[in-house]
Amino acid sequence: LRLAAPDSNARQALWDRYLPGLFRAPTLDLDAAIAKYALTPGKIERVANTAVQMAMERGDGSLVDSPTLDRAVREHVHPRLSSLARLVEARATWSDLILSEEHLILLRTLVQHYRHRRLVHETWGIGRNTRNQGVCALMSGPPGTGKTLAANVIASELGMELFQVDLSSVASKYIGETEKSLALIFEEAEATGALILFDEADSLFAKRTEVKSSVDRYANLEVNYLLQKMEDYSGICILTTNFEKSIDDAFK
């Protein structure tokens, strides 16, 4: 019997039960955690208990804040992505990025969009019934312009783990295997609140072509599948490319 993961309202009730206000620091952004981590009820209980224990072990009577909660989540949630993606340490800050003010505003807006999406979609009811409530971004430009670094800054700012997809492990010559790998990546990243980075994305997100052979048909099938997954994905996903013109228009 496959049970659906609890929605954000159910997760709110579970967090209120297992991590009541008595244990919360004023700086704890619980709304962000609810939006970021699609945890099951059992994991929410275990994470809440661990977070309280971590706060008590600090010895200064501190309550559970956002960094403590993030650490507790990582104690219990281990994404099964090691064979398909590389965990990148997200330590970069805004001061590491040398960009125009216009581009910095766009990146900061992306962060705020993701951070407050639950407030906008559910509390305010704007776009509540839309399929895609996640955040996807395409960064293009020559090598060395800071595309991957920008993804690192976003992950660091949001307190998320950054997984860089290994395209050589995802792409397979066997029919259906690429789709299976992509399904696992999106499923695990959404459940654990990780940021997915598709570096050199033009190799997977290439333009569809007219079907003249079975090779074309299956290549188009992979792109169609990716479009579906991106449409349904509620997490955050960043694509980078040096060849923007080769990206299928539907992704843009």
C-alpha atoms as a PDB file:
ATOM      1  CA  LEU A   1       0.000   0.000   0.000  1.00  0.00           C
ATOM      2  CA  ARG A   2       1.665   3.204  -1.194  1.00  0.00           C
ATOM      3  CA  LEU A   3       0.778   6.195   0.961  1.00  0.00           C
ATOM      4  CA  ALA A   4       1.160   9.732  -0.328  1.00  0.00           C
ATOM      5  CA  ALA A   5       3.524  12.025   1.536  1.00  0.00           C
ATOM      6  CA  PRO A   6       1.730  14.518   3.811  1.00  0.00           C
ATOM      7  CA  ASP A   7       1.037  17.901   2.252  1.00  0.00           C
ATOM      8  CA  SER A   8       2.385  21.095   3.771  1.00  0.00           C
ATOM      9  CA  ASN A   9      -0.655  21.636   6.028  1.00  0.00           C
ATOM     10  CA  ALA A  10      -0.297  18.126   7.452  1.00  0.00           C
ATOM     11  CA  ARG A  11       3.444  18.700   7.914  1.00  0.00           C
ATOM     12  CA  GLN A  12       2.655  21.928   9.783  1.00  0.00           C
ATOM     13  CA  ALA A  13       0.425  20.004  12.200  1.00  0.00           C
ATOM     14  CA  LEU A  14       3.096  17.340  12.696  1.00  0.00           C
ATOM     15  CA  TRP A  15       5.817  19.896  13.418  1.00  0.00           C
ATOM     16  CA  ASP A  16       3.498  21.646  15.882  1.00  0.00           C
ATOM     17  CA  ARG A  17       2.972  18.325  17.643  1.00  0.00           C
ATOM     18  CA  TYR A  18       6.587  17.180  17.831  1.00  0.00           C
ATOM     19  CA  LEU A  19       8.338  20.564  18.033  1.00  0.00           C
ATOM     20  CA  PRO A  20       6.018  22.886  19.974  1.00  0.00           C
ATOM     21  CA  GLY A  21       6.725  26.577  20.436  1.00  0.00           C
ATOM     22  CA  LEU A  22       8.369  25.932  23.801  1.00  0.00           C
ATOM     23  CA  PHE A  23      11.393  24.472  21.981  1.00  0.00           C
ATOM     24  CA  ARG A  24      11.611  26.951  19.093  1.00  0.00           C
ATOM     25  CA  ALA A  25      14.103  29.792  18.921  1.00  0.00           C
ATOM     26  CA  PRO A  26      12.777  33.129  17.619  1.00  0.00           C
ATOM     27  CA  THR A  27      15.098  32.742  14.614  1.00  0.00           C
ATOM     28  CA  LEU A  28      13.647  29.363  13.590  1.00  0.00           C
ATOM     29  CA  ASP A  29      11.986  29.704  10.186  1.00  0.00           C
ATOM     30  CA  LEU A  30       9.641  26.734  10.408  1.00  0.00           C
ATOM     31  CA  ASP A  31       7.680  27.758   7.310  1.00  0.00           C
ATOM     32  CA  ALA A  32      10.872  27.466   5.259  1.00  0.00           C
ATOM     33  CA  ALA A  33      11.572  24.015   6.712  1.00  0.00           C
ATOM     34  CA  ILE A  34       8.025  22.848   5.957  1.00  0.00           C
ATOM     35  CA  ALA A  35       8.351  24.014   2.367  1.00  0.00           C
ATOM     36  CA  LYS A  36      11.857  22.607   1.964  1.00  0.00           C
ATOM     37  CA  TYR A  37      11.559  19.150   3.530  1.00  0.00           C
ATOM     38  CA  ALA A  38       8.806  16.789   2.337  1.00  0.00           C
ATOM     39  CA  LEU A  39       9.298  14.413   5.264  1.00  0.00           C
ATOM     40  CA  THR A  40       7.094  11.553   6.383  1.00  0.00           C
ATOM     41  CA  PRO A  41       5.403  11.710   9.836  1.00  0.00           C
ATOM     42  CA  GLY A  42       7.891   9.276  11.367  1.00  0.00           C
ATOM     43  CA  LYS A  43      10.871  11.251  10.088  1.00  0.00           C
ATOM     44  CA  ILE A  44       9.399  14.514  11.348  1.00  0.00           C
ATOM     45  CA  GLU A  45       9.120  13.030  14.847  1.00  0.00           C
ATOM     46  CA  ARG A  46      12.700  11.690  14.773  1.00  0.00           C
ATOM     47  CA  VAL A  47      14.121  14.913  13.356  1.00  0.00           C
ATOM     48  CA  ALA A  48      12.285  17.040  15.966  1.00  0.00           C
ATOM     49  CA  ASN A  49      13.614  14.880  18.822  1.00  0.00           C
ATOM     50  CA  THR A  50      17.144  15.019  17.433  1.00  0.00           C
ATOM     51  CA  ALA A  51      16.981  18.802  16.972  1.00  0.00           C
ATOM     52  CA  VAL A  52      15.898  19.317  20.588  1.00  0.00           C
ATOM     53  CA  GLN A  53      18.699  17.024  21.775  1.00  0.00           C
ATOM     54  CA  MET A  54      21.268  18.924  19.688  1.00  0.00           C
ATOM     55  CA  ALA A  55      20.065  22.230  21.128  1.00  0.00           C
ATOM     56  CA  MET A  56      20.339  20.877  24.683  1.00  0.00           C
ATOM     57  CA  GLU A  57      23.837  19.500  24.064  1.00  0.00           C
ATOM     58  CA  ARG A  58      25.109  22.962  23.234  1.00  0.00           C
ATOM     59  CA  GLY A  59      24.894  23.579  26.979  1.00  0.00           C
ATOM     60  CA  ASP A  60      23.792  27.194  26.752  1.00  0.00           C
ATOM     61  CA  GLY A  61      20.079  26.528  26.985  1.00  0.00           C
ATOM     62  CA  SER A  62      19.632  27.399  23.324  1.00  0.00           C
ATOM     63  CA  LEU A  63      16.429  26.540  21.571  1.00  0.00           C
ATOM     64  CA  VAL A  64      16.123  24.920  18.143  1.00  0.00           C
ATOM     65  CA  ASP A  65      17.083  27.359  15.391  1.00  0.00           C
ATOM     66  CA  SER A  66      17.159  26.846  11.620  1.00  0.00           C
ATOM     67  CA  PRO A  67      20.791  25.595  11.354  1.00  0.00           C
ATOM     68  CA  THR A  68      20.162  23.078  14.162  1.00  0.00           C
ATOM     69  CA  LEU A  69      17.032  21.819  12.430  1.00  0.00           C
ATOM     70  CA  ASP A  70      18.914  21.482   9.128  1.00  0.00           C
ATOM     71  CA  ARG A  71      21.620  19.427  10.840  1.00  0.00           C
ATOM     72  CA  ALA A  72      18.996  17.210  12.462  1.00  0.00           C
ATOM     73  CA  VAL A  73      17.379  16.554   9.089  1.00  0.00           C
ATOM     74  CA  ARG A  74      20.721  15.451   7.657  1.00  0.00           C
ATOM     75  CA  GLU A  75      21.132  13.029  10.553  1.00  0.00           C
ATOM     76  CA  HIS A  76      18.053  11.110   9.419  1.00  0.00           C
ATOM     77  CA  VAL A  77      17.752  11.818   5.707  1.00  0.00           C
ATOM     78  CA  HIS A  78      20.407  10.462   3.392  1.00  0.00           C
ATOM     79  CA  PRO A  79      19.669  11.035  -0.291  1.00  0.00           C
ATOM     80  CA  ARG A  80      20.358   8.001  -2.487  1.00  0.00           C
ATOM     81  CA  LEU A  81      22.152  10.134  -5.025  1.00  0.00           C
ATOM     82  CA  SER A  82      25.791   9.206  -4.511  1.00  0.00           C
ATOM     83  CA  SER A  83      25.884   7.153  -7.719  1.00  0.00           C
ATOM     84  CA  LEU A  84      24.098   9.789  -9.806  1.00  0.00           C
ATOM     85  CA  ALA A  85      25.192  13.119  -8.348  1.00  0.00           C
ATOM     86  CA  ARG A  86      28.090  14.629  -6.441  1.00  0.00           C
ATOM     87  CA  LEU A  87      27.533  16.420  -3.145  1.00  0.00           C
ATOM     88  CA  VAL A  88      29.126  19.867  -3.394  1.00  0.00           C
ATOM     89  CA  GLU A  89      29.921  21.763  -0.223  1.00  0.00           C
ATOM     90  CA  ALA A  90      27.863  24.965  -0.348  1.00  0.00           C
ATOM     91  CA  ARG A  91      29.901  27.646   1.386  1.00  0.00           C
ATOM     92  CA  ALA A  92      29.930  30.494  -1.131  1.00  0.00           C
ATOM     93  CA  THR A  93      28.428  33.861  -0.152  1.00  0.00           C
ATOM     94  CA  TRP A  94      27.080  36.837  -2.075  1.00  0.00           C
ATOM     95  CA  SER A  95      30.432  38.598  -1.692  1.00  0.00           C
ATOM     96  CA  ASP A  96      32.068  35.831  -3.763  1.00  0.00           C
ATOM     97  CA  LEU A  97      29.934  36.716  -6.797  1.00  0.00           C
ATOM     98  CA  ILE A  98      31.115  39.505  -9.079  1.00  0.00           C
ATOM     99  CA  LEU A  99      28.001  40.363 -11.070  1.00  0.00           C
ATOM    100  CA  SER A 100      26.048  43.391 -12.205  1.00  0.00           C
ATOM    101  CA  GLU A 101      23.394  44.759  -9.864  1.00  0.00           C
ATOM    102  CA  GLU A 102      20.713  43.562 -12.291  1.00  0.00           C
ATOM    103  CA  HIS A 103      21.902  39.950 -12.119  1.00  0.00           C
ATOM    104  CA  LEU A 104      22.314  40.046  -8.344  1.00  0.00           C
ATOM    105  CA  ILE A 105      18.715  41.261  -7.998  1.00  0.00           C
ATOM    106  CA  LEU A 106      17.534  38.358 -10.163  1.00  0.00           C
ATOM    107  CA  LEU A 107      19.396  35.823  -8.017  1.00  0.00           C
ATOM    108  CA  ARG A 108      18.163  37.352  -4.749  1.00  0.00           C
ATOM    109  CA  THR A 109      14.618  37.327  -6.154  1.00  0.00           C
ATOM    110  CA  LEU A 110      15.010  33.631  -6.947  1.00  0.00           C
ATOM    111  CA  VAL A 111      16.015  32.966  -3.344  1.00  0.00           C
ATOM    112  CA  GLN A 112      13.076  34.965  -1.966  1.00  0.00           C
ATOM    113  CA  HIS A 113      10.706  33.260  -4.410  1.00  0.00           C
ATOM    114  CA  TYR A 114      11.669  29.863  -3.057  1.00  0.00           C
ATOM    115  CA  ARG A 115      11.850  30.933   0.579  1.00  0.00           C
ATOM    116  CA  HIS A 116       8.326  32.414   0.637  1.00  0.00           C
ATOM    117  CA  ARG A 117       6.525  30.170  -1.849  1.00  0.00           C
ATOM    118  CA  ARG A 118       4.390  28.518   0.860  1.00  0.00           C
ATOM    119  CA  LEU A 119       3.181  31.924   2.039  1.00  0.00           C
ATOM    120  CA  VAL A 120       2.322  32.973  -1.516  1.00  0.00           C
ATOM    121  CA  HIS A 121       0.787  29.729  -2.783  1.00  0.00           C
ATOM    122  CA  GLU A 122      -1.027  28.526   0.312  1.00  0.00           C
ATOM    123  CA  THR A 123      -1.573  31.378   2.765  1.00  0.00           C
ATOM    124  CA  TRP A 124      -2.339  33.982   0.111  1.00  0.00           C
ATOM    125  CA  GLY A 125      -3.771  31.405  -2.318  1.00  0.00           C
ATOM    126  CA  ILE A 126      -1.971  32.813  -5.368  1.00  0.00           C
ATOM    127  CA  GLY A 127      -1.350  30.006  -7.862  1.00  0.00           C
ATOM    128  CA  ARG A 128      -2.524  27.401  -5.348  1.00  0.00           C
ATOM    129  CA  ASN A 129      -3.730  25.062  -8.094  1.00  0.00           C
ATOM    130  CA  THR A 130      -0.755  25.393 -10.413  1.00  0.00           C
ATOM    131  CA  ARG A 131       1.228  22.225 -11.093  1.00  0.00           C
ATOM    132  CA  ASN A 132       4.655  23.732 -10.708  1.00  0.00           C
ATOM    133  CA  GLN A 133       5.294  25.416  -7.355  1.00  0.00           C
ATOM    134  CA  GLY A 134       9.011  24.819  -7.470  1.00  0.00           C
ATOM    135  CA  VAL A 135      11.755  27.087  -8.762  1.00  0.00           C
ATOM    136  CA  CYS A 136      13.753  26.280 -11.881  1.00  0.00           C
ATOM    137  CA  ALA A 137      16.437  28.526 -13.337  1.00  0.00           C
ATOM    138  CA  LEU A 138      18.587  28.415 -16.462  1.00  0.00           C
ATOM    139  CA  MET A 139      21.983  30.123 -16.301  1.00  0.00           C
ATOM    140  CA  SER A 140      23.906  30.548 -19.542  1.00  0.00           C
ATOM    141  CA  GLY A 141      27.203  32.109 -20.487  1.00  0.00           C
ATOM    142  CA  PRO A 142      30.839  31.343 -21.320  1.00  0.00           C
ATOM    143  CA  PRO A 143      32.949  29.250 -18.922  1.00  0.00           C
ATOM    144  CA  GLY A 144      34.157  31.116 -15.845  1.00  0.00           C
ATOM    145  CA  THR A 145      31.284  33.594 -15.590  1.00  0.00           C
ATOM    146  CA  GLY A 146      30.096  32.202 -12.245  1.00  0.00           C
ATOM    147  CA  LYS A 147      27.139  29.981 -13.177  1.00  0.00           C
ATOM    148  CA  THR A 148      28.083  27.092 -10.880  1.00  0.00           C
ATOM    149  CA  LEU A 149      29.247  29.530  -8.200  1.00  0.00           C
ATOM    150  CA  ALA A 150      25.846  31.242  -8.303  1.00  0.00           C
ATOM    151  CA  ALA A 151      24.156  27.876  -7.672  1.00  0.00           C
ATOM    152  CA  ASN A 152      26.514  27.357  -4.722  1.00  0.00           C
ATOM    153  CA  VAL A 153      25.571  30.760  -3.281  1.00  0.00           C
ATOM    154  CA  ILE A 154      21.844  30.006  -3.614  1.00  0.00           C
ATOM    155  CA  ALA A 155      22.222  26.642  -1.862  1.00  0.00           C
ATOM    156  CA  SER A 156      24.293  28.234   0.905  1.00  0.00           C
ATOM    157  CA  GLU A 157      21.807  31.076   1.369  1.00  0.00           C
ATOM    158  CA  LEU A 158      18.876  28.659   1.641  1.00  0.00           C
ATOM    159  CA  GLY A 159      20.745  26.181   3.866  1.00  0.00           C
ATOM    160  CA  MET A 160      20.351  23.402   1.285  1.00  0.00           C
ATOM    161  CA  GLU A 161      22.611  20.579   0.202  1.00  0.00           C
ATOM    162  CA  LEU A 162      23.833  21.002  -3.373  1.00  0.00           C
ATOM    163  CA  PHE A 163      23.949  17.936  -5.623  1.00  0.00           C
ATOM    164  CA  GLN A 164      25.648  18.297  -8.994  1.00  0.00           C
ATOM    165  CA  VAL A 165      24.238  15.691 -11.364  1.00  0.00           C
ATOM    166  CA  ASP A 166      26.805  13.383 -12.963  1.00  0.00           C
ATOM    167  CA  LEU A 167      25.605  13.294 -16.568  1.00  0.00           C
ATOM    168  CA  SER A 168      27.798  10.299 -17.419  1.00  0.00           C
ATOM    169  CA  SER A 169      25.995   8.247 -14.758  1.00  0.00           C
ATOM    170  CA  VAL A 170      22.501   9.429 -15.696  1.00  0.00           C
ATOM    171  CA  ALA A 171      22.623   9.004 -19.461  1.00  0.00           C
ATOM    172  CA  SER A 172      22.278   5.384 -20.529  1.00  0.00           C
ATOM    173  CA  LYS A 173      22.237   3.639 -23.892  1.00  0.00           C
ATOM    174  CA  TYR A 174      19.533   1.289 -22.605  1.00  0.00           C
ATOM    175  CA  ILE A 175      15.942   2.336 -23.208  1.00  0.00           C
ATOM    176  CA  GLY A 176      14.211   3.606 -20.078  1.00  0.00           C
ATOM    177  CA  GLU A 177      17.289   3.622 -17.825  1.00  0.00           C
ATOM    178  CA  THR A 178      17.908   7.356 -18.201  1.00  0.00           C
ATOM    179  CA  GLU A 179      14.319   8.071 -17.169  1.00  0.00           C
ATOM    180  CA  LYS A 180      14.677   5.812 -14.098  1.00  0.00           C
ATOM    181  CA  SER A 181      17.794   7.692 -12.990  1.00  0.00           C
ATOM    182  CA  LEU A 182      16.113  11.060 -13.496  1.00  0.00           C
ATOM    183  CA  ALA A 183      13.054   9.922 -11.537  1.00  0.00           C
ATOM    184  CA  LEU A 184      15.274   8.936  -8.588  1.00  0.00           C
ATOM    185  CA  ILE A 185      17.116  12.269  -8.682  1.00  0.00           C
ATOM    186  CA  PHE A 186      13.956  14.374  -8.585  1.00  0.00           C
ATOM    187  CA  GLU A 187      12.236  12.157  -5.997  1.00  0.00           C
ATOM    188  CA  GLU A 188      15.178  12.164  -3.575  1.00  0.00           C
ATOM    189  CA  ALA A 189      15.949  15.855  -4.004  1.00  0.00           C
ATOM    190  CA  GLU A 190      12.331  16.830  -3.360  1.00  0.00           C
ATOM    191  CA  ALA A 191      12.043  14.651  -0.252  1.00  0.00           C
ATOM    192  CA  THR A 192      15.315  15.846   1.290  1.00  0.00           C
ATOM    193  CA  GLY A 193      15.237  19.524   0.346  1.00  0.00           C
ATOM    194  CA  ALA A 194      18.346  19.367  -1.838  1.00  0.00           C
ATOM    195  CA  LEU A 195      19.172  21.705  -4.706  1.00  0.00           C
ATOM    196  CA  ILE A 196      19.735  19.915  -8.025  1.00  0.00           C
ATOM    197  CA  LEU A 197      22.371  21.331 -10.356  1.00  0.00           C
ATOM    198  CA  PHE A 198      22.469  20.112 -13.964  1.00  0.00           C
ATOM    199  CA  ASP A 199      25.845  21.379 -15.160  1.00  0.00           C
ATOM    200  CA  GLU A 200      26.328  21.416 -18.956  1.00  0.00           C
ATOM    201  CA  ALA A 201      22.574  20.853 -19.199  1.00  0.00           C
ATOM    202  CA  ASP A 202      22.454  21.093 -22.988  1.00  0.00           C
ATOM    203  CA  SER A 203      23.450  17.411 -23.207  1.00  0.00           C
ATOM    204  CA  LEU A 204      20.207  16.314 -21.483  1.00  0.00           C
ATOM    205  CA  PHE A 205      17.853  19.191 -22.253  1.00  0.00           C
ATOM    206  CA  ALA A 206      18.639  19.393 -25.983  1.00  0.00           C
ATOM    207  CA  LYS A 207      16.132  20.451 -28.606  1.00  0.00           C
ATOM    208  CA  ARG A 208      13.743  17.800 -29.863  1.00  0.00           C
ATOM    209  CA  THR A 209      14.055  16.888 -33.519  1.00  0.00           C
ATOM    210  CA  GLU A 210      11.825  15.539 -36.239  1.00  0.00           C
ATOM    211  CA  VAL A 211      11.441  11.789 -35.782  1.00  0.00           C
ATOM    212  CA  LYS A 212      13.204  10.016 -38.631  1.00  0.00           C
ATOM    213  CA  SER A 213      14.419   6.939 -36.765  1.00  0.00           C
ATOM    214  CA  SER A 214      13.958   5.066 -33.501  1.00  0.00           C
ATOM    215  CA  VAL A 215      16.969   6.923 -32.105  1.00  0.00           C
ATOM    216  CA  ASP A 216      15.188  10.254 -32.619  1.00  0.00           C
ATOM    217  CA  ARG A 217      12.018   8.914 -31.029  1.00  0.00           C
ATOM    218  CA  TYR A 218      13.756   7.769 -27.852  1.00  0.00           C
ATOM    219  CA  ALA A 219      15.868  10.929 -27.638  1.00  0.00           C
ATOM    220  CA  ASN A 220      12.679  13.001 -27.808  1.00  0.00           C
ATOM    221  CA  LEU A 221      11.088  10.729 -25.210  1.00  0.00           C
ATOM    222  CA  GLU A 222      13.821  11.606 -22.701  1.00  0.00           C
ATOM    223  CA  VAL A 223      13.272  15.329 -23.271  1.00  0.00           C
ATOM    224  CA  ASN A 224       9.496  14.933 -22.929  1.00  0.00           C
ATOM    225  CA  TYR A 225       9.999  13.031 -19.674  1.00  0.00           C
ATOM    226  CA  LEU A 226      12.275  15.758 -18.318  1.00  0.00           C
ATOM    227  CA  LEU A 227       9.660  18.369 -19.177  1.00  0.00           C
ATOM    228  CA  GLN A 228       7.070  16.432 -17.168  1.00  0.00           C
ATOM    229  CA  LYS A 229       9.378  16.063 -14.164  1.00  0.00           C
ATOM    230  CA  MET A 230      10.312  19.758 -14.200  1.00  0.00           C
ATOM    231  CA  GLU A 231       6.631  20.679 -14.431  1.00  0.00           C
ATOM    232  CA  ASP A 232       5.740  18.574 -11.370  1.00  0.00           C
ATOM    233  CA  TYR A 233       8.870  19.301  -9.328  1.00  0.00           C
ATOM    234  CA  SER A 234       8.260  21.400  -6.217  1.00  0.00           C
ATOM    235  CA  GLY A 235      11.906  21.842  -5.193  1.00  0.00           C
ATOM    236  CA  ILE A 236      14.647  23.995  -6.678  1.00  0.00           C
ATOM    237  CA  CYS A 237      16.562  23.052  -9.812  1.00  0.00           C
ATOM    238  CA  ILE A 238      19.286  24.974 -11.646  1.00  0.00           C
ATOM    239  CA  LEU A 239      20.554  24.313 -15.167  1.00  0.00           C
ATOM    240  CA  THR A 240      23.797  25.756 -16.516  1.00  0.00           C
ATOM    241  CA  THR A 241      24.988  25.746 -20.107  1.00  0.00           C
ATOM    242  CA  ASN A 242      27.535  27.313 -22.419  1.00  0.00           C
ATOM    243  CA  PHE A 243      25.242  26.731 -25.427  1.00  0.00           C
ATOM    244  CA  GLU A 244      21.862  28.260 -24.652  1.00  0.00           C
ATOM    245  CA  LYS A 245      20.715  27.917 -28.271  1.00  0.00           C
ATOM    246  CA  SER A 246      20.816  24.114 -28.007  1.00  0.00           C
ATOM    247  CA  ILE A 247      18.342  24.042 -25.076  1.00  0.00           C
ATOM    248  CA  ASP A 248      14.795  23.075 -26.071  1.00  0.00           C
ATOM    249  CA  ASP A 249      12.468  26.103 -26.152  1.00  0.00           C
ATOM    250  CA  ALA A 250       9.929  24.382 -23.890  1.00  0.00           C
ATOM    251  CA  PHE A 251      12.403  24.497 -20.988  1.00  0.00           C
ATOM    252  CA  LYS A 252      12.875  28.216 -21.467  1.00  0.00           C
END
